[in-house]
Amino acid sequence: MELVIVHGALVRDGAWWWGATAELLSERTGIRSRALALPSCGETTAGEMAGGLVAD
């Protein structure tokens, strides 16, 4: 099982924000998790187009 964490608006680097929670979840339950990089929050690479909600 894997939990996908989707952060709110105006947050970049969701993996950092959710890192402590993800580690605790894994230690206590064994459930893996990951935070999504959202283009609408500016989480794109140089080769990607700045995204909106459609890109998310």
N, C-alpha and C. Protein backbone atom coordinates (compact mmCIF):
# COMPACT_ATOMS: atom_id res chain seq x y z
N MET A 1 0.85 -1.16 0.00
CA MET A 1 0.00 0.00 0.00
C MET A 1 0.90 1.23 0.00
N GLU A 2 0.45 2.25 -0.70
CA GLU A 2 1.17 3.52 -0.73
C GLU A 2 0.18 4.66 -0.58
N LEU A 3 0.51 5.60 0.29
CA LEU A 3 -0.31 6.79 0.49
C LEU A 3 0.28 7.92 -0.33
N VAL A 4 -0.55 8.56 -1.14
CA VAL A 4 -0.11 9.69 -1.95
C VAL A 4 -0.58 10.96 -1.25
N ILE A 5 0.38 11.82 -0.91
CA ILE A 5 0.08 13.05 -0.18
C ILE A 5 0.03 14.20 -1.18
N VAL A 6 -1.07 14.93 -1.16
CA VAL A 6 -1.24 16.09 -2.03
C VAL A 6 -1.32 17.31 -1.14
N HIS A 7 -0.35 18.17 -1.26
CA HIS A 7 -0.31 19.36 -0.41
C HIS A 7 -1.23 20.45 -0.95
N GLY A 8 -1.43 21.46 -0.17
CA GLY A 8 -2.30 22.57 -0.54
C GLY A 8 -1.60 23.59 -1.41
N ALA A 9 -2.31 24.61 -1.74
CA ALA A 9 -1.79 25.68 -2.60
C ALA A 9 -0.66 26.43 -1.91
N LEU A 10 0.15 27.09 -2.72
CA LEU A 10 1.25 27.94 -2.26
C LEU A 10 2.35 27.18 -1.53
N VAL A 11 2.43 25.89 -1.74
CA VAL A 11 3.48 25.09 -1.12
C VAL A 11 4.35 24.50 -2.22
N ARG A 12 5.62 24.73 -2.13
CA ARG A 12 6.58 24.08 -3.02
C ARG A 12 7.38 23.11 -2.18
N ASP A 13 7.90 22.09 -2.79
CA ASP A 13 8.69 21.08 -2.09
C ASP A 13 7.84 20.30 -1.10
N GLY A 14 6.76 19.72 -1.62
CA GLY A 14 5.86 18.94 -0.78
C GLY A 14 6.56 17.81 -0.05
N ALA A 15 7.58 17.20 -0.67
CA ALA A 15 8.31 16.11 -0.02
C ALA A 15 8.96 16.59 1.28
N TRP A 16 9.47 17.80 1.29
CA TRP A 16 10.08 18.34 2.51
C TRP A 16 9.01 18.59 3.57
N TRP A 17 7.91 19.20 3.18
CA TRP A 17 6.85 19.51 4.14
C TRP A 17 6.28 18.26 4.78
N TRP A 18 6.14 17.20 4.00
CA TRP A 18 5.53 15.97 4.49
C TRP A 18 6.54 14.93 4.95
N GLY A 19 7.84 15.22 4.86
CA GLY A 19 8.88 14.25 5.18
C GLY A 19 8.77 13.62 6.56
N ALA A 20 8.59 14.44 7.58
CA ALA A 20 8.50 13.91 8.95
C ALA A 20 7.26 13.03 9.12
N THR A 21 6.15 13.44 8.54
CA THR A 21 4.92 12.65 8.61
C THR A 21 5.09 11.32 7.89
N ALA A 22 5.70 11.36 6.71
CA ALA A 22 5.91 10.14 5.93
C ALA A 22 6.82 9.17 6.67
N GLU A 23 7.86 9.69 7.30
CA GLU A 23 8.78 8.83 8.06
C GLU A 23 8.07 8.18 9.24
N LEU A 24 7.30 8.93 9.96
CA LEU A 24 6.55 8.41 11.10
C LEU A 24 5.53 7.37 10.66
N LEU A 25 4.84 7.64 9.58
CA LEU A 25 3.86 6.69 9.04
C LEU A 25 4.54 5.37 8.67
N SER A 26 5.68 5.46 8.04
CA SER A 26 6.42 4.27 7.63
C SER A 26 6.91 3.48 8.84
N GLU A 27 7.47 4.17 9.82
CA GLU A 27 7.99 3.50 11.01
C GLU A 27 6.89 2.79 11.79
N ARG A 28 5.75 3.42 11.93
CA ARG A 28 4.69 2.88 12.79
C ARG A 28 3.77 1.89 12.10
N THR A 29 3.61 2.04 10.78
CA THR A 29 2.64 1.18 10.09
C THR A 29 3.22 0.39 8.93
N GLY A 30 4.41 0.80 8.45
CA GLY A 30 4.99 0.16 7.28
C GLY A 30 4.41 0.65 5.96
N ILE A 31 3.53 1.64 6.02
CA ILE A 31 2.92 2.18 4.81
C ILE A 31 3.86 3.19 4.17
N ARG A 32 4.16 2.99 2.90
CA ARG A 32 5.00 3.93 2.16
C ARG A 32 4.13 5.11 1.73
N SER A 33 4.77 6.25 1.56
CA SER A 33 4.04 7.41 1.08
C SER A 33 4.96 8.27 0.24
N ARG A 34 4.34 9.15 -0.52
CA ARG A 34 5.11 10.10 -1.32
C ARG A 34 4.24 11.33 -1.55
N ALA A 35 4.92 12.45 -1.68
CA ALA A 35 4.23 13.70 -1.97
C ALA A 35 4.33 13.97 -3.46
N LEU A 36 3.26 14.43 -4.04
CA LEU A 36 3.25 14.75 -5.46
C LEU A 36 3.84 16.13 -5.71
N ALA A 37 4.55 16.26 -6.81
CA ALA A 37 5.03 17.57 -7.26
C ALA A 37 3.93 18.16 -8.14
N LEU A 38 3.42 19.31 -7.77
CA LEU A 38 2.30 19.90 -8.49
C LEU A 38 2.75 21.06 -9.37
N PRO A 39 2.57 20.93 -10.69
CA PRO A 39 2.94 22.02 -11.60
C PRO A 39 2.22 23.33 -11.28
N SER A 40 1.00 23.27 -10.79
CA SER A 40 0.27 24.50 -10.49
C SER A 40 0.89 25.28 -9.33
N CYS A 41 1.76 24.62 -8.57
CA CYS A 41 2.46 25.29 -7.46
C CYS A 41 3.89 25.64 -7.85
N GLY A 42 4.20 25.55 -9.14
CA GLY A 42 5.53 25.93 -9.61
C GLY A 42 6.56 24.83 -9.51
N GLU A 43 6.15 23.60 -9.29
CA GLU A 43 7.08 22.49 -9.17
C GLU A 43 7.31 21.84 -10.53
N THR A 44 7.99 22.56 -11.40
CA THR A 44 8.30 22.05 -12.72
C THR A 44 9.80 22.16 -12.95
N THR A 45 10.29 21.40 -13.88
CA THR A 45 11.69 21.50 -14.26
C THR A 45 11.81 22.50 -15.41
N ALA A 46 13.03 22.85 -15.74
CA ALA A 46 13.25 23.84 -16.80
C ALA A 46 12.64 23.42 -18.13
N GLY A 47 12.60 22.11 -18.41
CA GLY A 47 12.07 21.61 -19.67
C GLY A 47 10.55 21.50 -19.71
N GLU A 48 9.91 21.66 -18.57
CA GLU A 48 8.46 21.53 -18.51
C GLU A 48 7.79 22.90 -18.57
N MET A 49 6.61 22.89 -19.09
CA MET A 49 5.82 24.12 -19.15
C MET A 49 5.26 24.41 -17.75
N ALA A 50 5.20 25.67 -17.39
CA ALA A 50 4.56 26.02 -16.12
C ALA A 50 3.12 25.55 -16.19
N GLY A 51 2.72 24.74 -15.26
CA GLY A 51 1.42 24.11 -15.34
C GLY A 51 0.35 24.81 -14.56
N GLY A 52 -0.83 24.39 -14.81
CA GLY A 52 -1.99 24.83 -14.06
C GLY A 52 -2.65 23.60 -13.48
N LEU A 53 -3.89 23.72 -13.12
CA LEU A 53 -4.59 22.59 -12.54
C LEU A 53 -4.69 21.42 -13.51
N VAL A 54 -4.77 21.70 -14.79
CA VAL A 54 -4.84 20.62 -15.79
C VAL A 54 -3.57 19.79 -15.74
N ALA A 55 -2.42 20.44 -15.57
CA ALA A 55 -1.14 19.73 -15.53
C ALA A 55 -1.01 18.88 -14.27
N ASP A 56 -1.68 19.30 -13.19
CA ASP A 56 -1.61 18.53 -11.95
C ASP A 56 -2.24 17.18 -12.15
